[in-house]
Amino acid sequence: MKKFIDSFSTMAQWLAKLSGILLLLMSILVCCHVILRGVFGSGILGTYELVQYGMLVIVSLTLAENELSGGNIIVNFLLDKMRPRVANIFSIVMYFITIVFMGYVLYNQAGMIGTKLADGSVTGTLGIPHWILVSFICIGLFFFVIAFIIRVYNMISNHRNLDDRKRTLEEIAAEQEITSEF
């Protein structure tokens, strides 16, 4: 399992790097659009469309790496009041619910690929086939669901190693490397 997790993490990092390159290219496109519009009174056709769909793709492709690296902001005010094992079980249940929900979203999005391919729908300005965009979103969602599964696997694996005594606020702060002004 460790080898799979490492391989998956590497793939998620590559998707995030690809997203970074796409973001850089979109930034250059927007800059060129603004300059051309300022100088010649007309920008690059389809810039808004490319930025809108590009952001969808970028966000989708970076979700897994963000989850694996712990980049999400987590509000633990409820979990901090629980004993560690209870908090871990609660988190596992919540992650499981999220996996089911996101799996359902992925299933519907995957079905939409065929629908978009069959009806031949394209974007309004540039005529980019919608099925291509939905495919990238599905790739990102697939990696996101797998990242959640890995998170749950790690939580279950480490459950026995948790110290089950209730921690003080000072211990929680020390664990999170937060210093108090008082």
Protein backbone atom coordinates (compact mmCIF):
# COMPACT_ATOMS: atom_id res chain seq x y z
CA MET A 1 0.00 0.00 0.00
CA LYS A 2 2.90 2.34 0.76
CA LYS A 3 4.18 1.99 -2.81
CA PHE A 4 0.72 2.76 -4.20
CA ILE A 5 0.37 5.83 -1.98
CA ASP A 6 3.81 7.09 -3.02
CA SER A 7 3.04 6.54 -6.71
CA PHE A 8 -0.34 8.18 -6.36
CA SER A 9 1.19 11.15 -4.53
CA THR A 10 3.72 11.56 -7.33
CA MET A 11 0.96 11.52 -9.96
CA ALA A 12 -1.07 14.04 -7.95
CA GLN A 13 1.99 16.30 -7.73
CA TRP A 14 2.44 16.09 -11.50
CA LEU A 15 -1.20 17.03 -12.03
CA ALA A 16 -0.69 19.99 -9.71
CA LYS A 17 2.42 21.03 -11.66
CA LEU A 18 0.47 20.75 -14.91
CA SER A 19 -2.19 22.96 -13.34
CA GLY A 20 0.49 25.47 -12.39
CA ILE A 21 1.69 25.58 -15.99
CA LEU A 22 -1.90 26.07 -17.18
CA LEU A 23 -2.34 28.89 -14.68
CA LEU A 24 0.85 30.55 -15.91
CA LEU A 25 -0.32 30.26 -19.52
CA MET A 26 -3.72 31.69 -18.61
CA SER A 27 -2.03 34.59 -16.83
CA ILE A 28 0.06 35.33 -19.90
CA LEU A 29 -3.07 35.10 -22.06
CA VAL A 30 -4.93 37.58 -19.85
CA CYS A 31 -1.96 39.98 -19.82
CA CYS A 32 -1.72 39.84 -23.61
CA HIS A 33 -5.48 40.32 -23.87
CA VAL A 34 -5.38 43.42 -21.66
CA ILE A 35 -2.40 44.91 -23.49
CA LEU A 36 -3.90 44.27 -26.92
CA ARG A 37 -7.23 45.68 -25.84
CA GLY A 38 -5.52 48.77 -24.46
CA VAL A 39 -3.32 49.32 -27.51
CA PHE A 40 -5.54 48.18 -30.37
CA GLY A 41 -8.98 48.33 -28.78
CA SER A 42 -9.51 44.60 -29.29
CA GLY A 43 -8.26 41.68 -27.23
CA ILE A 44 -7.82 37.99 -27.93
CA LEU A 45 -11.01 36.20 -28.94
CA GLY A 46 -12.12 33.61 -26.39
CA THR A 47 -9.98 34.80 -23.48
CA TYR A 48 -12.87 34.86 -21.02
CA GLU A 49 -13.98 31.42 -22.11
CA LEU A 50 -10.49 29.95 -21.81
CA VAL A 51 -10.04 31.45 -18.35
CA GLN A 52 -13.42 30.19 -17.12
CA TYR A 53 -12.93 26.64 -18.33
CA GLY A 54 -9.24 26.69 -17.52
CA MET A 55 -9.96 27.49 -13.89
CA LEU A 56 -12.39 24.57 -13.71
CA VAL A 57 -9.69 22.25 -15.02
CA ILE A 58 -7.00 23.72 -12.76
CA VAL A 59 -9.07 23.39 -9.61
CA SER A 60 -10.11 19.85 -10.51
CA LEU A 61 -6.57 18.70 -11.18
CA THR A 62 -5.15 20.18 -7.96
CA LEU A 63 -7.75 18.83 -5.52
CA ALA A 64 -5.96 15.54 -4.83
CA GLU A 65 -2.54 17.06 -4.21
CA ASN A 66 -4.10 19.66 -1.94
CA GLU A 67 -5.84 16.95 0.09
CA LEU A 68 -2.74 14.78 0.35
CA SER A 69 -0.54 17.67 1.42
CA GLY A 70 -3.04 18.86 4.03
CA GLY A 71 -3.61 22.14 2.25
CA ASN A 72 -7.26 22.39 3.24
CA ILE A 73 -8.23 24.63 6.09
CA ILE A 74 -9.76 22.50 8.80
CA VAL A 75 -11.77 23.98 11.63
CA ASN A 76 -11.29 21.61 14.54
CA PHE A 77 -13.27 23.39 17.22
CA LEU A 78 -15.54 20.35 17.58
CA LEU A 79 -12.86 17.69 17.15
CA ASP A 80 -10.56 19.39 19.68
CA LYS A 81 -13.19 18.90 22.36
CA MET A 82 -13.32 15.13 21.77
CA ARG A 83 -10.96 12.44 22.91
CA PRO A 84 -8.49 11.64 20.10
CA ARG A 85 -9.89 8.22 19.25
CA VAL A 86 -13.47 9.50 19.19
CA ALA A 87 -12.38 12.44 17.03
CA ASN A 88 -10.59 10.02 14.70
CA ILE A 89 -13.68 7.82 14.36
CA PHE A 90 -15.83 10.90 13.75
CA SER A 91 -13.39 12.07 11.06
CA ILE A 92 -13.34 8.64 9.42
CA VAL A 93 -17.15 8.64 9.24
CA MET A 94 -17.19 12.15 7.76
CA TYR A 95 -14.53 11.24 5.21
CA PHE A 96 -16.48 8.12 4.29
CA ILE A 97 -19.62 10.20 3.71
CA THR A 98 -17.55 12.57 1.58
CA ILE A 99 -16.12 9.66 -0.42
CA VAL A 100 -19.63 8.36 -1.13
CA PHE A 101 -20.85 11.82 -2.14
CA MET A 102 -17.81 12.60 -4.31
CA GLY A 103 -18.02 9.12 -5.85
CA TYR A 104 -21.60 9.91 -6.83
CA VAL A 105 -20.51 13.23 -8.34
CA LEU A 106 -17.71 11.46 -10.23
CA TYR A 107 -20.14 8.83 -11.50
CA ASN A 108 -22.50 11.50 -12.83
CA GLN A 109 -19.68 13.50 -14.38
CA ALA A 110 -18.31 10.39 -16.09
CA GLY A 111 -21.77 9.77 -17.52
CA MET A 112 -21.81 13.34 -18.76
CA ILE A 113 -18.74 12.67 -20.91
CA GLY A 114 -20.77 10.31 -23.09
CA THR A 115 -23.71 12.68 -23.15
CA LYS A 116 -21.56 15.62 -24.23
CA LEU A 117 -19.79 13.48 -26.80
CA ALA A 118 -23.08 12.22 -28.23
CA ASP A 119 -24.78 15.61 -28.46
CA GLY A 120 -21.67 17.34 -29.80
CA SER A 121 -21.99 20.36 -27.51
CA VAL A 122 -19.19 22.89 -27.69
CA THR A 123 -18.24 26.14 -25.97
CA GLY A 124 -19.82 29.30 -27.31
CA THR A 125 -16.88 31.26 -28.67
CA LEU A 126 -14.07 28.86 -29.48
CA GLY A 127 -16.07 25.70 -30.11
CA ILE A 128 -14.10 23.54 -27.66
CA PRO A 129 -15.97 20.24 -27.18
CA HIS A 130 -17.50 20.04 -23.71
CA TRP A 131 -16.59 16.37 -23.35
CA ILE A 132 -12.89 17.30 -23.23
CA LEU A 133 -13.47 19.70 -20.35
CA VAL A 134 -15.67 17.21 -18.48
CA SER A 135 -12.97 14.55 -18.97
CA PHE A 136 -10.38 16.72 -17.24
CA ILE A 137 -12.81 17.39 -14.41
CA CYS A 138 -13.41 13.64 -14.06
CA ILE A 139 -9.68 12.96 -13.89
CA GLY A 140 -9.38 15.50 -11.10
CA LEU A 141 -12.39 14.11 -9.24
CA PHE A 142 -11.07 10.56 -9.57
CA PHE A 143 -7.77 11.57 -8.01
CA PHE A 144 -9.64 13.52 -5.32
CA VAL A 145 -11.71 10.47 -4.32
CA ILE A 146 -8.59 8.30 -4.20
CA ALA A 147 -6.89 10.94 -2.02
CA PHE A 148 -9.80 10.76 0.41
CA ILE A 149 -9.56 6.96 0.46
CA ILE A 150 -5.85 7.23 1.24
CA ARG A 151 -6.62 9.69 4.03
CA VAL A 152 -9.16 7.28 5.55
CA TYR A 153 -6.73 4.37 5.20
CA ASN A 154 -4.07 6.36 7.08
CA MET A 155 -6.54 7.35 9.78
CA ILE A 156 -7.63 3.74 10.28
CA SER A 157 -4.02 2.52 10.27
CA ASN A 158 -2.99 5.05 12.91
CA HIS A 159 -6.10 4.67 15.07
CA ARG A 160 -4.52 2.18 17.47
CA ASN A 161 -1.51 4.41 18.01
CA LEU A 162 -3.57 7.35 19.25
CA ASP A 163 -3.21 8.41 22.84
CA ASP A 164 -6.82 8.30 24.03
CA ARG A 165 -6.61 10.85 26.79
CA LYS A 166 -8.20 14.22 26.38
CA ARG A 167 -5.60 16.83 25.54
CA THR A 168 -5.42 20.27 27.07
CA LEU A 169 -5.55 23.38 24.93
CA GLU A 170 -1.86 23.93 25.63
CA GLU A 171 -1.02 20.48 24.28
CA ILE A 172 -3.12 21.06 21.18
CA ALA A 173 -1.44 24.42 20.61
CA ALA A 174 2.00 22.89 21.11
CA GLU A 175 1.18 20.14 18.64
CA GLN A 176 0.11 22.72 16.09
CA GLU A 177 3.14 24.88 16.90
CA ILE A 178 1.00 27.79 18.02
CA THR A 179 2.45 30.13 20.58
CA SER A 180 0.34 32.14 22.94
CA GLU A 181 0.85 35.82 23.67
CA PHE A 182 0.07 35.29 27.35
